[in-house]
C-alpha atoms as a PDB file:
ATOM      1  CA  UNK A   1       1.456  26.246  -6.111  1.00  0.00           C
ATOM      2  CA  UNK A   2      -2.227  25.850  -5.669  1.00  0.00           C
ATOM      3  CA  UNK A   3      -3.590  23.169  -3.416  1.00  0.00           C
ATOM      4  CA  UNK A   4      -6.756  21.197  -3.925  1.00  0.00           C
ATOM      5  CA  UNK A   5      -8.625  20.695  -0.701  1.00  0.00           C
ATOM      6  CA  UNK A   6     -10.337  17.344  -0.444  1.00  0.00           C
ATOM      7  CA  UNK A   7     -13.093  18.802   1.691  1.00  0.00           C
ATOM      8  CA  UNK A   8     -13.976  22.443   2.341  1.00  0.00           C
ATOM      9  CA  UNK A   9     -15.711  24.549   4.958  1.00  0.00           C
ATOM     10  CA  UNK A  10     -16.485  23.769   8.558  1.00  0.00           C
ATOM     11  CA  UNK A  11     -19.883  22.642   9.738  1.00  0.00           C
ATOM     12  CA  UNK A  12     -22.125  19.712  10.391  1.00  0.00           C
ATOM     13  CA  UNK A  13     -23.040  17.291   7.671  1.00  0.00           C
ATOM     14  CA  UNK A  14     -26.774  16.856   7.542  1.00  0.00           C
ATOM     15  CA  UNK A  15     -28.450  14.342   5.305  1.00  0.00           C
ATOM     16  CA  UNK A  16     -31.795  12.689   5.663  1.00  0.00           C
ATOM     17  CA  UNK A  17     -32.297   8.971   5.790  1.00  0.00           C
ATOM     18  CA  UNK A  18     -33.332   6.214   8.066  1.00  0.00           C
ATOM     19  CA  UNK A  19     -30.727   4.203   9.930  1.00  0.00           C
ATOM     20  CA  UNK A  20     -31.446   0.644  10.865  1.00  0.00           C
ATOM     21  CA  UNK A  21     -29.783  -2.024  12.932  1.00  0.00           C
ATOM     22  CA  UNK A  22     -31.744  -4.806  11.261  1.00  0.00           C
ATOM     23  CA  UNK A  23     -29.809  -7.133   9.027  1.00  0.00           C
ATOM     24  CA  UNK A  24     -30.814  -6.285   5.460  1.00  0.00           C
ATOM     25  CA  UNK A  25     -29.471  -7.170   2.055  1.00  0.00           C
ATOM     26  CA  UNK A  26     -29.095  -4.470  -0.572  1.00  0.00           C
ATOM     27  CA  UNK A  27     -28.235  -4.893  -4.238  1.00  0.00           C
ATOM     28  CA  UNK A  28     -24.806  -3.706  -5.282  1.00  0.00           C
ATOM     29  CA  UNK A  29     -23.283  -2.806  -8.634  1.00  0.00           C
ATOM     30  CA  UNK A  30     -20.525  -4.944 -10.126  1.00  0.00           C
ATOM     31  CA  UNK A  31     -16.982  -3.871  -9.258  1.00  0.00           C
ATOM     32  CA  UNK A  32     -15.405  -1.575 -11.796  1.00  0.00           C
ATOM     33  CA  UNK A  33     -11.964  -0.106 -12.097  1.00  0.00           C
ATOM     34  CA  UNK A  34     -11.480   3.627 -12.389  1.00  0.00           C
ATOM     35  CA  UNK A  35      -9.379   4.898 -15.250  1.00  0.00           C
ATOM     36  CA  UNK A  36      -8.922   8.448 -16.381  1.00  0.00           C
ATOM     37  CA  UNK A  37      -6.826  10.745 -18.494  1.00  0.00           C
ATOM     38  CA  UNK A  38      -3.844  12.243 -16.760  1.00  0.00           C
ATOM     39  CA  UNK A  39      -2.697  15.436 -18.385  1.00  0.00           C
ATOM     40  CA  UNK A  40      -1.357  18.585 -16.784  1.00  0.00           C
ATOM     41  CA  UNK A  41       1.433  21.091 -16.841  1.00  0.00           C
ATOM     42  CA  UNK A  42       3.562  21.417 -13.749  1.00  0.00           C
ATOM     43  CA  UNK A  43       2.713  24.519 -11.797  1.00  0.00           C
ATOM     44  CA  UNK A  44      -1.013  23.960 -12.356  1.00  0.00           C
ATOM     45  CA  UNK A  45      -3.498  22.067 -10.197  1.00  0.00           C
ATOM     46  CA  UNK A  46      -2.915  18.387 -10.763  1.00  0.00           C
ATOM     47  CA  UNK A  47      -3.002  14.995  -9.137  1.00  0.00           C
ATOM     48  CA  UNK A  48      -1.006  11.867  -9.382  1.00  0.00           C
ATOM     49  CA  UNK A  49      -3.458   9.037  -9.014  1.00  0.00           C
ATOM     50  CA  UNK A  50      -5.918   7.895  -6.430  1.00  0.00           C
ATOM     51  CA  UNK A  51      -6.354   9.575  -3.034  1.00  0.00           C
ATOM     52  CA  UNK A  52      -7.334   6.947  -0.428  1.00  0.00           C
ATOM     53  CA  UNK A  53      -9.370   7.677   2.694  1.00  0.00           C
ATOM     54  CA  UNK A  54     -10.580   5.211   5.341  1.00  0.00           C
ATOM     55  CA  UNK A  55     -13.788   5.764   7.325  1.00  0.00           C
ATOM     56  CA  UNK A  56     -15.200   4.075  10.421  1.00  0.00           C
ATOM     57  CA  UNK A  57     -18.993   4.091  10.459  1.00  0.00           C
ATOM     58  CA  UNK A  58     -21.847   3.339  12.805  1.00  0.00           C
ATOM     59  CA  UNK A  59     -23.370  -0.147  12.788  1.00  0.00           C
ATOM     60  CA  UNK A  60     -19.819  -1.638  12.804  1.00  0.00           C
ATOM     61  CA  UNK A  61     -19.306  -0.620   9.175  1.00  0.00           C
ATOM     62  CA  UNK A  62     -16.132   0.505   7.392  1.00  0.00           C
ATOM     63  CA  UNK A  63     -15.639   2.290   4.101  1.00  0.00           C
ATOM     64  CA  UNK A  64     -12.419   2.685   2.142  1.00  0.00           C
ATOM     65  CA  UNK A  65     -12.879   5.487  -0.372  1.00  0.00           C
ATOM     66  CA  UNK A  66     -10.457   5.889  -3.260  1.00  0.00           C
ATOM     67  CA  UNK A  67     -10.979   9.310  -4.830  1.00  0.00           C
ATOM     68  CA  UNK A  68      -9.800   9.995  -8.372  1.00  0.00           C
ATOM     69  CA  UNK A  69      -9.817  13.786  -8.837  1.00  0.00           C
ATOM     70  CA  UNK A  70      -8.803  13.464 -12.495  1.00  0.00           C
ATOM     71  CA  UNK A  71     -11.972  11.547 -13.423  1.00  0.00           C
ATOM     72  CA  UNK A  72     -14.169  12.975 -10.630  1.00  0.00           C
ATOM     73  CA  UNK A  73     -14.991   9.488  -9.386  1.00  0.00           C
ATOM     74  CA  UNK A  74     -14.822   7.594  -6.117  1.00  0.00           C
ATOM     75  CA  UNK A  75     -14.510   3.854  -5.670  1.00  0.00           C
ATOM     76  CA  UNK A  76     -15.924   2.762  -2.318  1.00  0.00           C
ATOM     77  CA  UNK A  77     -15.153  -0.571  -0.705  1.00  0.00           C
ATOM     78  CA  UNK A  78     -17.969  -1.089   1.796  1.00  0.00           C
ATOM     79  CA  UNK A  79     -18.105  -3.549   4.664  1.00  0.00           C
ATOM     80  CA  UNK A  80     -21.427  -3.207   6.493  1.00  0.00           C
ATOM     81  CA  UNK A  81     -22.574  -6.416   8.213  1.00  0.00           C
ATOM     82  CA  UNK A  82     -25.995  -4.905   9.023  1.00  0.00           C
ATOM     83  CA  UNK A  83     -26.572  -4.460   5.266  1.00  0.00           C
ATOM     84  CA  UNK A  84     -24.969  -7.780   4.249  1.00  0.00           C
ATOM     85  CA  UNK A  85     -22.188  -5.931   2.420  1.00  0.00           C
ATOM     86  CA  UNK A  86     -18.775  -7.556   2.775  1.00  0.00           C
ATOM     87  CA  UNK A  87     -16.086  -5.742   0.821  1.00  0.00           C
ATOM     88  CA  UNK A  88     -18.551  -4.519  -1.819  1.00  0.00           C
ATOM     89  CA  UNK A  89     -16.962  -2.281  -4.465  1.00  0.00           C
ATOM     90  CA  UNK A  90     -19.198   0.557  -5.641  1.00  0.00           C
ATOM     91  CA  UNK A  91     -18.090   3.080  -8.270  1.00  0.00           C
ATOM     92  CA  UNK A  92     -19.603   6.543  -7.936  1.00  0.00           C
ATOM     93  CA  UNK A  93     -19.361   9.725  -9.984  1.00  0.00           C
ATOM     94  CA  UNK A  94     -19.155  13.281  -8.633  1.00  0.00           C
ATOM     95  CA  UNK A  95     -22.438  15.214  -8.554  1.00  0.00           C
ATOM     96  CA  UNK A  96     -23.218  18.858  -7.763  1.00  0.00           C
ATOM     97  CA  UNK A  97     -23.419  19.592  -4.044  1.00  0.00           C
ATOM     98  CA  UNK A  98     -24.196  22.755  -2.098  1.00  0.00           C
ATOM     99  CA  UNK A  99     -21.527  21.832   0.439  1.00  0.00           C
ATOM    100  CA  UNK A 100     -18.827  19.178   0.639  1.00  0.00           C
ATOM    101  CA  UNK A 101     -18.528  16.479  -2.022  1.00  0.00           C
ATOM    102  CA  UNK A 102     -21.359  14.286  -3.301  1.00  0.00           C
ATOM    103  CA  UNK A 103     -20.873  11.072  -5.267  1.00  0.00           C
ATOM    104  CA  UNK A 104     -23.720   8.986  -6.739  1.00  0.00           C
ATOM    105  CA  UNK A 105     -24.057   5.786  -8.754  1.00  0.00           C
ATOM    106  CA  UNK A 106     -26.095   5.324 -11.875  1.00  0.00           C
ATOM    107  CA  UNK A 107     -25.251   1.715 -12.615  1.00  0.00           C
ATOM    108  CA  UNK A 108     -27.721  -0.346 -10.593  1.00  0.00           C
ATOM    109  CA  UNK A 109     -31.445   0.442 -10.948  1.00  0.00           C
ATOM    110  CA  UNK A 110     -32.215  -1.641  -7.830  1.00  0.00           C
ATOM    111  CA  UNK A 111     -30.139   0.405  -5.370  1.00  0.00           C
ATOM    112  CA  UNK A 112     -29.090   4.057  -5.415  1.00  0.00           C
ATOM    113  CA  UNK A 113     -25.876   4.859  -3.545  1.00  0.00           C
ATOM    114  CA  UNK A 114     -25.094   8.425  -2.405  1.00  0.00           C
ATOM    115  CA  UNK A 115     -21.828   9.219  -0.616  1.00  0.00           C
ATOM    116  CA  UNK A 116     -21.704  12.746   0.834  1.00  0.00           C
ATOM    117  CA  UNK A 117     -18.544  13.943   2.558  1.00  0.00           C
ATOM    118  CA  UNK A 118     -17.601  17.153   4.292  1.00  0.00           C
ATOM    119  CA  UNK A 119     -14.383  17.657   6.208  1.00  0.00           C
ATOM    120  CA  UNK A 120     -13.650  14.305   7.868  1.00  0.00           C
ATOM    121  CA  UNK A 121     -17.286  13.164   7.953  1.00  0.00           C
ATOM    122  CA  UNK A 122     -19.253  11.096   5.456  1.00  0.00           C
ATOM    123  CA  UNK A 123     -22.762   9.717   5.100  1.00  0.00           C
ATOM    124  CA  UNK A 124     -23.631   6.799   2.848  1.00  0.00           C
ATOM    125  CA  UNK A 125     -27.303   6.568   1.874  1.00  0.00           C
ATOM    126  CA  UNK A 126     -28.505   3.473   0.043  1.00  0.00           C
ATOM    127  CA  UNK A 127     -32.017   3.666  -1.404  1.00  0.00           C
ATOM    128  CA  UNK A 128     -33.527   0.347  -2.495  1.00  0.00           C
ATOM    129  CA  UNK A 129     -36.023  -0.158  -5.331  1.00  0.00           C
ATOM    130  CA  UNK A 130     -38.936  -0.065  -2.865  1.00  0.00           C
ATOM    131  CA  UNK A 131     -37.817   3.348  -1.541  1.00  0.00           C
ATOM    132  CA  UNK A 132     -36.293   2.136   1.732  1.00  0.00           C
ATOM    133  CA  UNK A 133     -33.276   4.237   2.755  1.00  0.00           C
ATOM    134  CA  UNK A 134     -30.382   2.831   4.792  1.00  0.00           C
ATOM    135  CA  UNK A 135     -27.800   5.279   6.149  1.00  0.00           C
ATOM    136  CA  UNK A 136     -24.316   4.924   7.559  1.00  0.00           C
ATOM    137  CA  UNK A 137     -22.706   7.870   9.339  1.00  0.00           C
ATOM    138  CA  UNK A 138     -18.925   7.771   9.081  1.00  0.00           C
ATOM    139  CA  UNK A 139     -15.773   9.561  10.207  1.00  0.00           C
ATOM    140  CA  UNK A 140     -12.364   9.483   8.539  1.00  0.00           C
ATOM    141  CA  UNK A 141      -9.757   7.620  10.547  1.00  0.00           C
ATOM    142  CA  UNK A 142      -6.857   9.562   9.094  1.00  0.00           C
ATOM    143  CA  UNK A 143      -6.304  13.294   8.781  1.00  0.00           C
ATOM    144  CA  UNK A 144      -7.370  15.075   5.631  1.00  0.00           C
ATOM    145  CA  UNK A 145      -4.500  15.707   3.232  1.00  0.00           C
ATOM    146  CA  UNK A 146      -3.859  18.677   1.005  1.00  0.00           C
ATOM    147  CA  UNK A 147      -2.354  17.304  -2.187  1.00  0.00           C
ATOM    148  CA  UNK A 148       0.122  19.640  -3.817  1.00  0.00           C
ATOM    149  CA  UNK A 149       3.070  19.061  -6.058  1.00  0.00           C
END
């Protein structure tokens, strides 16, 4: 059986952005549920639902990421006191990435969210309408899991 690796390759995750410890408020999209088609034949690559991952971030932030490989989406629940985010749900879609996985939003024109993960590391960049970038550097608090059936 083939296995789908959640993250591939070994190396450092490098993204640009400015981190801040100042208390800021950023706009967030409305919570949305992720739904997707679930079709496969046994013996092929397939998934059974959401793959959860919890991250601890700098600036006393936490992110719970629920990945849906069938729809190529991630639903992030973000708690970042320095950004005035308290359990904010943000739905992101998979985007092309040279390395690791990249998820972006397209819902809210006032704030752009980019979640880039590689191995057990993740970086959340939030770009506001005025071009200010806030970054959170994160690390998964549970081991990566190869999902196979």
